[in-house]
Amino acid sequence: MAAALAEVGGFVGPVRAGTPALVQLKDTYACIIATAWAVPLTGMAQLSCGPAPTDRGTTGSCQPSANTTIVFIDAVTGELISAPGFGYSRS
């Protein structure tokens, strides 16, 4: 699980993992059911400052803000589940 969590992007600096919960993921379009760990991650993330500038303007500087997201780790393989249909982040 630690290797999969190392693949999670979007955070700036250290990330803290919360208590994982075992869940069942279903994709009715692909007829897939998977057992996974739902892991809440909290850390500083660099988010968008808004729409792109027009007329050669410049964007303002955004500061990272505290955010929490939930990632899913395949309970069998230990790999990060990255998208609907259960595609993995590693190709």
C-alpha atoms as a PDB file:
ATOM      1  CA  MET A   1       0.000   0.000   0.000  1.00  0.00           C
ATOM      2  CA  ALA A   2       2.882   2.381   0.737  1.00  0.00           C
ATOM      3  CA  ALA A   3       4.143   2.081  -2.860  1.00  0.00           C
ATOM      4  CA  ALA A   4       0.688   2.904  -4.224  1.00  0.00           C
ATOM      5  CA  LEU A   5       0.338   5.927  -1.942  1.00  0.00           C
ATOM      6  CA  ALA A   6       3.716   7.192  -3.172  1.00  0.00           C
ATOM      7  CA  GLU A   7       2.179   7.416  -6.679  1.00  0.00           C
ATOM      8  CA  VAL A   8      -0.566   9.842  -5.656  1.00  0.00           C
ATOM      9  CA  GLY A   9       0.045  13.236  -7.231  1.00  0.00           C
ATOM     10  CA  GLY A  10      -1.283  16.736  -6.708  1.00  0.00           C
ATOM     11  CA  PHE A  11       0.134  17.358  -3.259  1.00  0.00           C
ATOM     12  CA  VAL A  12       2.972  19.716  -2.397  1.00  0.00           C
ATOM     13  CA  GLY A  13       5.047  18.450   0.515  1.00  0.00           C
ATOM     14  CA  PRO A  14       4.227  15.686   2.975  1.00  0.00           C
ATOM     15  CA  VAL A  15       0.901  13.817   2.849  1.00  0.00           C
ATOM     16  CA  ARG A  16      -0.764  12.231   5.869  1.00  0.00           C
ATOM     17  CA  ALA A  17      -2.797   9.031   5.356  1.00  0.00           C
ATOM     18  CA  GLY A  18      -5.865   8.556   7.533  1.00  0.00           C
ATOM     19  CA  THR A  19      -7.476   5.319   8.651  1.00  0.00           C
ATOM     20  CA  PRO A  20      -8.227   3.079   5.649  1.00  0.00           C
ATOM     21  CA  ALA A  21     -11.625   1.410   5.222  1.00  0.00           C
ATOM     22  CA  LEU A  22     -12.218  -1.771   3.231  1.00  0.00           C
ATOM     23  CA  VAL A  23     -14.872  -1.171   0.524  1.00  0.00           C
ATOM     24  CA  GLN A  24     -16.386  -2.853  -2.533  1.00  0.00           C
ATOM     25  CA  LEU A  25     -16.087  -0.895  -5.794  1.00  0.00           C
ATOM     26  CA  LYS A  26     -18.494  -1.662  -8.627  1.00  0.00           C
ATOM     27  CA  ASP A  27     -18.398  -0.568 -12.253  1.00  0.00           C
ATOM     28  CA  THR A  28     -21.736  -1.600 -13.762  1.00  0.00           C
ATOM     29  CA  TYR A  29     -20.634  -0.661 -17.289  1.00  0.00           C
ATOM     30  CA  ALA A  30     -17.578  -2.929 -17.218  1.00  0.00           C
ATOM     31  CA  CYS A  31     -19.143  -5.616 -14.967  1.00  0.00           C
ATOM     32  CA  ILE A  32     -16.265  -5.345 -12.506  1.00  0.00           C
ATOM     33  CA  ILE A  33     -16.346  -5.657  -8.733  1.00  0.00           C
ATOM     34  CA  ALA A  34     -13.192  -5.040  -6.707  1.00  0.00           C
ATOM     35  CA  THR A  35     -12.318  -5.015  -3.035  1.00  0.00           C
ATOM     36  CA  ALA A  36     -10.270  -1.962  -2.212  1.00  0.00           C
ATOM     37  CA  TRP A  37      -8.953   0.129   0.636  1.00  0.00           C
ATOM     38  CA  ALA A  38     -10.397   3.661   0.712  1.00  0.00           C
ATOM     39  CA  VAL A  39      -7.635   5.825   2.176  1.00  0.00           C
ATOM     40  CA  PRO A  40      -8.174   9.499   3.073  1.00  0.00           C
ATOM     41  CA  LEU A  41      -5.100  11.622   2.322  1.00  0.00           C
ATOM     42  CA  THR A  42      -4.552  15.095   3.745  1.00  0.00           C
ATOM     43  CA  GLY A  43      -1.870  17.531   2.681  1.00  0.00           C
ATOM     44  CA  MET A  44      -1.149  20.807   0.944  1.00  0.00           C
ATOM     45  CA  ALA A  45      -2.296  20.938  -2.690  1.00  0.00           C
ATOM     46  CA  GLN A  46      -1.638  23.517  -5.383  1.00  0.00           C
ATOM     47  CA  LEU A  47      -5.023  24.320  -6.924  1.00  0.00           C
ATOM     48  CA  SER A  48      -5.931  26.489  -9.888  1.00  0.00           C
ATOM     49  CA  CYS A  49      -6.043  30.274  -9.450  1.00  0.00           C
ATOM     50  CA  GLY A  50      -8.940  30.637 -11.844  1.00  0.00           C
ATOM     51  CA  PRO A  51      -9.389  31.158 -15.563  1.00  0.00           C
ATOM     52  CA  ALA A  52      -6.434  31.746 -17.845  1.00  0.00           C
ATOM     53  CA  PRO A  53      -5.621  35.422 -18.418  1.00  0.00           C
ATOM     54  CA  THR A  54      -6.567  37.103 -21.682  1.00  0.00           C
ATOM     55  CA  ASP A  55      -4.751  39.815 -23.625  1.00  0.00           C
ATOM     56  CA  ARG A  56      -1.305  38.675 -22.463  1.00  0.00           C
ATOM     57  CA  GLY A  57      -2.120  39.227 -18.798  1.00  0.00           C
ATOM     58  CA  THR A  58      -0.444  37.306 -16.031  1.00  0.00           C
ATOM     59  CA  THR A  59      -1.971  35.008 -13.476  1.00  0.00           C
ATOM     60  CA  GLY A  60      -1.835  35.711  -9.781  1.00  0.00           C
ATOM     61  CA  SER A  61       0.242  33.590  -7.466  1.00  0.00           C
ATOM     62  CA  CYS A  62      -1.785  30.972  -5.602  1.00  0.00           C
ATOM     63  CA  GLN A  63      -0.687  29.570  -2.291  1.00  0.00           C
ATOM     64  CA  PRO A  64      -1.131  25.842  -1.633  1.00  0.00           C
ATOM     65  CA  SER A  65      -4.074  25.048   0.629  1.00  0.00           C
ATOM     66  CA  ALA A  66      -4.915  22.137   2.937  1.00  0.00           C
ATOM     67  CA  ASN A  67      -6.989  19.503   1.149  1.00  0.00           C
ATOM     68  CA  THR A  68      -8.250  15.992   1.760  1.00  0.00           C
ATOM     69  CA  THR A  69      -8.986  13.413  -0.925  1.00  0.00           C
ATOM     70  CA  ILE A  70      -9.835   9.727  -0.864  1.00  0.00           C
ATOM     71  CA  VAL A  71      -7.812   7.288  -2.955  1.00  0.00           C
ATOM     72  CA  PHE A  72      -8.564   3.639  -3.596  1.00  0.00           C
ATOM     73  CA  ILE A  73      -5.940   0.906  -3.316  1.00  0.00           C
ATOM     74  CA  ASP A  74      -6.696  -2.559  -4.767  1.00  0.00           C
ATOM     75  CA  ALA A  75      -6.892  -4.910  -1.761  1.00  0.00           C
ATOM     76  CA  VAL A  76      -5.479  -7.833  -3.785  1.00  0.00           C
ATOM     77  CA  THR A  77      -2.632  -6.241  -5.746  1.00  0.00           C
ATOM     78  CA  GLY A  78      -1.888  -3.207  -3.538  1.00  0.00           C
ATOM     79  CA  GLU A  79      -1.908  -0.946  -6.611  1.00  0.00           C
ATOM     80  CA  LEU A  80      -3.522   2.477  -6.877  1.00  0.00           C
ATOM     81  CA  ILE A  81      -6.902   2.450  -8.649  1.00  0.00           C
ATOM     82  CA  SER A  82      -6.886   5.554 -10.789  1.00  0.00           C
ATOM     83  CA  ALA A  83     -10.055   5.690 -12.881  1.00  0.00           C
ATOM     84  CA  PRO A  84     -13.532   4.314 -13.545  1.00  0.00           C
ATOM     85  CA  GLY A  85     -13.245   0.853 -15.016  1.00  0.00           C
ATOM     86  CA  PHE A  86     -10.494   0.259 -12.465  1.00  0.00           C
ATOM     87  CA  GLY A  87      -7.554   1.113 -14.704  1.00  0.00           C
ATOM     88  CA  TYR A  88      -4.338   1.288 -12.713  1.00  0.00           C
ATOM     89  CA  SER A  89      -2.032   4.270 -12.684  1.00  0.00           C
ATOM     90  CA  ARG A  90       0.897   2.129 -13.856  1.00  0.00           C
ATOM     91  CA  SER A  91       0.753   1.102 -17.499  1.00  0.00           C
END
